[in-house]
């Protein structure tokens, strides 16, 4: 049997400089109930990053919240750059990228949603702008932390029902854009997408 050869010309491999390559962010959603391990899981995903950034949406409106914020800061450690932003996630994401972040955590979407609703701001527009930035620019991997609030009883007042419904919608919108979704329960993250 005669061996056949190909006479096609082999062209030299042309490398594209990394700075010219368009890189979409890997979007991850970590969701679950209160104290389910969402934030710890998100932090574990960033353990090998060199310049991790943490977008904190909470604010110290009272002593108890100030203690929570300090506890989270201690858990992260000094290698994390913290950006506090209650409303403009899109600008915070851009700021992190411009500062050289190679990994971003947004913690958390439900606190952010509460901030937006109570201040009368358009959360749909801001969430859309944030997801657009992550899909259209050279951005680092980004983990959104969010509470799953729709598994309990129907709240007794309109504001609480609106919040629960909007939180479910926020999670669904982010999950649709996400490459991965993890549901955390009892400290155990389970990948569901």
C-alpha atoms as a PDB file:
ATOM      1  CA  UNK A   1       0.000   0.000   0.000  1.00  0.00           C
ATOM      2  CA  UNK A   2       1.417   3.334  -1.051  1.00  0.00           C
ATOM      3  CA  UNK A   3       1.540   6.116   1.517  1.00  0.00           C
ATOM      4  CA  UNK A   4      -0.047   9.378   0.382  1.00  0.00           C
ATOM      5  CA  UNK A   5       1.382  12.733   1.287  1.00  0.00           C
ATOM      6  CA  UNK A   6      -0.137  16.157   1.313  1.00  0.00           C
ATOM      7  CA  UNK A   7       1.613  18.872  -0.596  1.00  0.00           C
ATOM      8  CA  UNK A   8      -0.239  21.782   1.010  1.00  0.00           C
ATOM      9  CA  UNK A   9       1.950  24.692   2.022  1.00  0.00           C
ATOM     10  CA  UNK A  10       2.315  25.062   5.776  1.00  0.00           C
ATOM     11  CA  UNK A  11       2.011  28.678   6.791  1.00  0.00           C
ATOM     12  CA  UNK A  12       3.818  30.017   9.846  1.00  0.00           C
ATOM     13  CA  UNK A  13       1.617  30.348  12.930  1.00  0.00           C
ATOM     14  CA  UNK A  14       0.718  33.967  13.490  1.00  0.00           C
ATOM     15  CA  UNK A  15       0.374  34.816  17.128  1.00  0.00           C
ATOM     16  CA  UNK A  16      -1.988  37.555  18.150  1.00  0.00           C
ATOM     17  CA  UNK A  17      -0.648  39.611  21.052  1.00  0.00           C
ATOM     18  CA  UNK A  18      -2.686  39.025  24.198  1.00  0.00           C
ATOM     19  CA  UNK A  19      -3.345  42.764  24.462  1.00  0.00           C
ATOM     20  CA  UNK A  20      -5.134  42.638  21.064  1.00  0.00           C
ATOM     21  CA  UNK A  21      -7.272  39.614  21.882  1.00  0.00           C
ATOM     22  CA  UNK A  22     -10.852  40.272  22.926  1.00  0.00           C
ATOM     23  CA  UNK A  23     -11.611  38.325  26.054  1.00  0.00           C
ATOM     24  CA  UNK A  24     -15.110  38.035  27.392  1.00  0.00           C
ATOM     25  CA  UNK A  25     -15.520  37.670  31.109  1.00  0.00           C
ATOM     26  CA  UNK A  26     -16.470  34.322  32.534  1.00  0.00           C
ATOM     27  CA  UNK A  27     -19.614  35.088  34.513  1.00  0.00           C
ATOM     28  CA  UNK A  28     -20.440  32.926  37.521  1.00  0.00           C
ATOM     29  CA  UNK A  29     -23.508  33.162  39.753  1.00  0.00           C
ATOM     30  CA  UNK A  30     -23.259  31.828  43.318  1.00  0.00           C
ATOM     31  CA  UNK A  31     -26.681  31.729  44.937  1.00  0.00           C
ATOM     32  CA  UNK A  32     -28.315  30.179  47.983  1.00  0.00           C
ATOM     33  CA  UNK A  33     -29.954  31.050  51.263  1.00  0.00           C
ATOM     34  CA  UNK A  34     -28.603  33.153  54.104  1.00  0.00           C
ATOM     35  CA  UNK A  35     -25.308  31.849  55.517  1.00  0.00           C
ATOM     36  CA  UNK A  36     -25.267  29.050  52.928  1.00  0.00           C
ATOM     37  CA  UNK A  37     -21.585  29.541  52.029  1.00  0.00           C
ATOM     38  CA  UNK A  38     -22.028  31.676  48.895  1.00  0.00           C
ATOM     39  CA  UNK A  39     -19.396  34.281  49.758  1.00  0.00           C
ATOM     40  CA  UNK A  40     -16.876  31.701  50.971  1.00  0.00           C
ATOM     41  CA  UNK A  41     -17.360  29.744  47.755  1.00  0.00           C
ATOM     42  CA  UNK A  42     -16.879  32.890  45.654  1.00  0.00           C
ATOM     43  CA  UNK A  43     -13.674  33.707  47.549  1.00  0.00           C
ATOM     44  CA  UNK A  44     -12.379  30.172  46.938  1.00  0.00           C
ATOM     45  CA  UNK A  45     -12.791  30.669  43.186  1.00  0.00           C
ATOM     46  CA  UNK A  46     -10.472  33.671  43.345  1.00  0.00           C
ATOM     47  CA  UNK A  47      -7.733  32.080  45.432  1.00  0.00           C
ATOM     48  CA  UNK A  48      -5.274  31.793  42.533  1.00  0.00           C
ATOM     49  CA  UNK A  49      -5.864  35.324  41.237  1.00  0.00           C
ATOM     50  CA  UNK A  50      -3.071  37.862  41.581  1.00  0.00           C
ATOM     51  CA  UNK A  51      -5.142  41.060  41.674  1.00  0.00           C
ATOM     52  CA  UNK A  52      -8.619  40.198  42.978  1.00  0.00           C
ATOM     53  CA  UNK A  53     -11.217  42.909  43.476  1.00  0.00           C
ATOM     54  CA  UNK A  54     -14.313  42.769  45.653  1.00  0.00           C
ATOM     55  CA  UNK A  55     -17.282  45.021  44.908  1.00  0.00           C
ATOM     56  CA  UNK A  56     -19.174  45.434  48.176  1.00  0.00           C
ATOM     57  CA  UNK A  57     -22.779  46.577  47.782  1.00  0.00           C
ATOM     58  CA  UNK A  58     -23.574  46.728  51.506  1.00  0.00           C
ATOM     59  CA  UNK A  59     -23.113  49.728  53.725  1.00  0.00           C
ATOM     60  CA  UNK A  60     -22.833  50.171  57.466  1.00  0.00           C
ATOM     61  CA  UNK A  61     -26.200  51.658  58.315  1.00  0.00           C
ATOM     62  CA  UNK A  62     -25.995  50.313  61.874  1.00  0.00           C
ATOM     63  CA  UNK A  63     -23.548  48.623  64.276  1.00  0.00           C
ATOM     64  CA  UNK A  64     -24.587  45.089  63.352  1.00  0.00           C
ATOM     65  CA  UNK A  65     -24.022  45.718  59.641  1.00  0.00           C
ATOM     66  CA  UNK A  66     -20.677  47.367  60.398  1.00  0.00           C
ATOM     67  CA  UNK A  67     -19.642  44.171  62.213  1.00  0.00           C
ATOM     68  CA  UNK A  68     -20.742  42.027  59.252  1.00  0.00           C
ATOM     69  CA  UNK A  69     -18.760  44.182  56.843  1.00  0.00           C
ATOM     70  CA  UNK A  70     -15.654  43.977  59.025  1.00  0.00           C
ATOM     71  CA  UNK A  71     -16.013  40.185  59.320  1.00  0.00           C
ATOM     72  CA  UNK A  72     -16.213  39.853  55.528  1.00  0.00           C
ATOM     73  CA  UNK A  73     -13.177  42.132  55.146  1.00  0.00           C
ATOM     74  CA  UNK A  74     -11.172  39.947  57.545  1.00  0.00           C
ATOM     75  CA  UNK A  75     -12.230  36.770  55.668  1.00  0.00           C
ATOM     76  CA  UNK A  76     -10.976  38.258  52.386  1.00  0.00           C
ATOM     77  CA  UNK A  77      -7.633  39.371  53.701  1.00  0.00           C
ATOM     78  CA  UNK A  78      -5.437  42.229  52.579  1.00  0.00           C
ATOM     79  CA  UNK A  79      -4.711  40.974  49.063  1.00  0.00           C
ATOM     80  CA  UNK A  80      -8.257  41.857  47.968  1.00  0.00           C
ATOM     81  CA  UNK A  81      -8.973  45.381  46.739  1.00  0.00           C
ATOM     82  CA  UNK A  82     -12.389  46.444  48.012  1.00  0.00           C
ATOM     83  CA  UNK A  83     -14.603  48.789  45.999  1.00  0.00           C
ATOM     84  CA  UNK A  84     -17.699  49.976  47.853  1.00  0.00           C
ATOM     85  CA  UNK A  85     -20.585  50.716  45.493  1.00  0.00           C
ATOM     86  CA  UNK A  86     -24.245  50.679  46.454  1.00  0.00           C
ATOM     87  CA  UNK A  87     -25.741  51.533  43.055  1.00  0.00           C
ATOM     88  CA  UNK A  88     -23.503  51.798  39.940  1.00  0.00           C
ATOM     89  CA  UNK A  89     -22.267  48.241  39.393  1.00  0.00           C
ATOM     90  CA  UNK A  90     -21.359  48.950  35.770  1.00  0.00           C
ATOM     91  CA  UNK A  91     -19.000  51.773  36.753  1.00  0.00           C
ATOM     92  CA  UNK A  92     -17.525  49.679  39.570  1.00  0.00           C
ATOM     93  CA  UNK A  93     -16.846  46.790  37.159  1.00  0.00           C
ATOM     94  CA  UNK A  94     -15.133  49.147  34.713  1.00  0.00           C
ATOM     95  CA  UNK A  95     -13.114  50.689  37.537  1.00  0.00           C
ATOM     96  CA  UNK A  96     -11.906  47.269  38.678  1.00  0.00           C
ATOM     97  CA  UNK A  97     -10.849  46.312  35.154  1.00  0.00           C
ATOM     98  CA  UNK A  98      -9.021  49.605  34.657  1.00  0.00           C
ATOM     99  CA  UNK A  99      -7.207  49.048  37.959  1.00  0.00           C
ATOM    100  CA  UNK A 100      -5.867  45.708  36.711  1.00  0.00           C
ATOM    101  CA  UNK A 101      -8.230  43.256  38.420  1.00  0.00           C
ATOM    102  CA  UNK A 102      -7.859  39.684  37.218  1.00  0.00           C
ATOM    103  CA  UNK A 103     -10.880  38.437  39.197  1.00  0.00           C
ATOM    104  CA  UNK A 104     -13.953  40.240  40.549  1.00  0.00           C
ATOM    105  CA  UNK A 105     -16.608  39.342  43.111  1.00  0.00           C
ATOM    106  CA  UNK A 106     -19.834  41.354  43.364  1.00  0.00           C
ATOM    107  CA  UNK A 107     -21.284  40.674  46.827  1.00  0.00           C
ATOM    108  CA  UNK A 108     -24.197  40.812  46.838  1.00  0.00           C
ATOM    109  CA  UNK A 109     -26.878  41.362  44.225  1.00  0.00           C
ATOM    110  CA  UNK A 110     -29.772  41.165  46.690  1.00  0.00           C
ATOM    111  CA  UNK A 111     -28.336  43.951  48.866  1.00  0.00           C
ATOM    112  CA  UNK A 112     -27.667  45.936  45.677  1.00  0.00           C
ATOM    113  CA  UNK A 113     -31.273  45.364  44.544  1.00  0.00           C
ATOM    114  CA  UNK A 114     -32.577  46.533  47.911  1.00  0.00           C
ATOM    115  CA  UNK A 115     -30.438  49.672  47.630  1.00  0.00           C
ATOM    116  CA  UNK A 116     -31.741  50.349  44.123  1.00  0.00           C
ATOM    117  CA  UNK A 117     -35.397  49.767  45.003  1.00  0.00           C
ATOM    118  CA  UNK A 118     -35.346  51.856  48.171  1.00  0.00           C
ATOM    119  CA  UNK A 119     -33.635  54.712  46.319  1.00  0.00           C
ATOM    120  CA  UNK A 120     -36.100  54.514  43.399  1.00  0.00           C
ATOM    121  CA  UNK A 121     -33.441  53.670  40.819  1.00  0.00           C
ATOM    122  CA  UNK A 122     -33.823  51.596  37.644  1.00  0.00           C
ATOM    123  CA  UNK A 123     -32.236  48.281  38.589  1.00  0.00           C
ATOM    124  CA  UNK A 124     -33.068  46.638  35.249  1.00  0.00           C
ATOM    125  CA  UNK A 125     -31.144  49.287  33.305  1.00  0.00           C
ATOM    126  CA  UNK A 126     -28.123  49.091  35.625  1.00  0.00           C
ATOM    127  CA  UNK A 127     -28.046  45.284  35.607  1.00  0.00           C
ATOM    128  CA  UNK A 128     -28.281  45.259  31.816  1.00  0.00           C
ATOM    129  CA  UNK A 129     -25.417  47.765  31.563  1.00  0.00           C
ATOM    130  CA  UNK A 130     -23.281  45.650  33.905  1.00  0.00           C
ATOM    131  CA  UNK A 131     -23.844  42.434  31.953  1.00  0.00           C
ATOM    132  CA  UNK A 132     -23.208  44.258  28.668  1.00  0.00           C
ATOM    133  CA  UNK A 133     -19.837  45.479  29.944  1.00  0.00           C
ATOM    134  CA  UNK A 134     -18.868  41.958  30.941  1.00  0.00           C
ATOM    135  CA  UNK A 135     -19.809  40.562  27.533  1.00  0.00           C
ATOM    136  CA  UNK A 136     -18.354  43.300  25.352  1.00  0.00           C
ATOM    137  CA  UNK A 137     -15.056  44.315  26.926  1.00  0.00           C
ATOM    138  CA  UNK A 138     -11.822  42.670  27.933  1.00  0.00           C
ATOM    139  CA  UNK A 139     -12.917  41.857  31.484  1.00  0.00           C
ATOM    140  CA  UNK A 140     -11.788  39.420  34.170  1.00  0.00           C
ATOM    141  CA  UNK A 141     -13.894  36.539  35.431  1.00  0.00           C
ATOM    142  CA  UNK A 142     -16.661  37.863  37.639  1.00  0.00           C
ATOM    143  CA  UNK A 143     -18.659  36.098  40.346  1.00  0.00           C
ATOM    144  CA  UNK A 144     -22.028  37.498  41.351  1.00  0.00           C
ATOM    145  CA  UNK A 145     -23.182  36.470  44.823  1.00  0.00           C
ATOM    146  CA  UNK A 146     -26.942  36.583  45.353  1.00  0.00           C
ATOM    147  CA  UNK A 147     -29.476  35.255  47.825  1.00  0.00           C
ATOM    148  CA  UNK A 148     -32.203  32.863  46.801  1.00  0.00           C
ATOM    149  CA  UNK A 149     -35.202  34.439  48.523  1.00  0.00           C
ATOM    150  CA  UNK A 150     -38.137  32.844  46.702  1.00  0.00           C
ATOM    151  CA  UNK A 151     -38.266  29.517  48.519  1.00  0.00           C
ATOM    152  CA  UNK A 152     -40.086  30.742  51.632  1.00  0.00           C
ATOM    153  CA  UNK A 153     -43.539  32.011  52.401  1.00  0.00           C
ATOM    154  CA  UNK A 154     -45.257  34.756  50.431  1.00  0.00           C
ATOM    155  CA  UNK A 155     -44.375  38.044  52.165  1.00  0.00           C
ATOM    156  CA  UNK A 156     -47.207  39.933  53.838  1.00  0.00           C
ATOM    157  CA  UNK A 157     -46.628  43.391  52.322  1.00  0.00           C
ATOM    158  CA  UNK A 158     -46.259  44.755  48.793  1.00  0.00           C
ATOM    159  CA  UNK A 159     -42.685  46.066  49.120  1.00  0.00           C
ATOM    160  CA  UNK A 160     -41.481  42.675  50.391  1.00  0.00           C
ATOM    161  CA  UNK A 161     -43.352  40.809  47.631  1.00  0.00           C
ATOM    162  CA  UNK A 162     -41.913  43.183  45.012  1.00  0.00           C
ATOM    163  CA  UNK A 163     -38.416  42.646  46.425  1.00  0.00           C
ATOM    164  CA  UNK A 164     -38.814  38.861  46.411  1.00  0.00           C
ATOM    165  CA  UNK A 165     -40.103  38.900  42.822  1.00  0.00           C
ATOM    166  CA  UNK A 166     -37.397  41.309  41.642  1.00  0.00           C
ATOM    167  CA  UNK A 167     -34.668  39.271  43.360  1.00  0.00           C
ATOM    168  CA  UNK A 168     -35.875  36.190  41.511  1.00  0.00           C
ATOM    169  CA  UNK A 169     -35.825  38.132  38.249  1.00  0.00           C
ATOM    170  CA  UNK A 170     -32.298  39.462  38.910  1.00  0.00           C
ATOM    171  CA  UNK A 171     -31.057  35.928  39.591  1.00  0.00           C
ATOM    172  CA  UNK A 172     -32.748  34.589  36.453  1.00  0.00           C
ATOM    173  CA  UNK A 173     -31.267  37.360  34.263  1.00  0.00           C
ATOM    174  CA  UNK A 174     -27.751  36.812  35.621  1.00  0.00           C
ATOM    175  CA  UNK A 175     -28.114  33.012  35.376  1.00  0.00           C
ATOM    176  CA  UNK A 176     -29.063  33.338  31.696  1.00  0.00           C
ATOM    177  CA  UNK A 177     -25.836  35.267  31.023  1.00  0.00           C
ATOM    178  CA  UNK A 178     -23.668  33.148  33.311  1.00  0.00           C
ATOM    179  CA  UNK A 179     -21.289  30.443  32.170  1.00  0.00           C
ATOM    180  CA  UNK A 180     -21.743  28.710  35.513  1.00  0.00           C
ATOM    181  CA  UNK A 181     -24.381  28.799  38.248  1.00  0.00           C
ATOM    182  CA  UNK A 182     -23.764  27.285  41.685  1.00  0.00           C
ATOM    183  CA  UNK A 183     -26.439  26.750  44.323  1.00  0.00           C
ATOM    184  CA  UNK A 184     -24.982  26.745  47.832  1.00  0.00           C
ATOM    185  CA  UNK A 185     -26.689  24.948  50.693  1.00  0.00           C
ATOM    186  CA  UNK A 186     -25.242  24.042  54.086  1.00  0.00           C
ATOM    187  CA  UNK A 187     -21.824  25.213  52.918  1.00  0.00           C
ATOM    188  CA  UNK A 188     -21.867  22.893  49.887  1.00  0.00           C
ATOM    189  CA  UNK A 189     -21.840  24.463  46.419  1.00  0.00           C
ATOM    190  CA  UNK A 190     -23.620  22.418  43.734  1.00  0.00           C
ATOM    191  CA  UNK A 191     -23.124  23.373  40.097  1.00  0.00           C
ATOM    192  CA  UNK A 192     -26.515  23.599  38.386  1.00  0.00           C
ATOM    193  CA  UNK A 193     -25.346  25.158  35.108  1.00  0.00           C
END
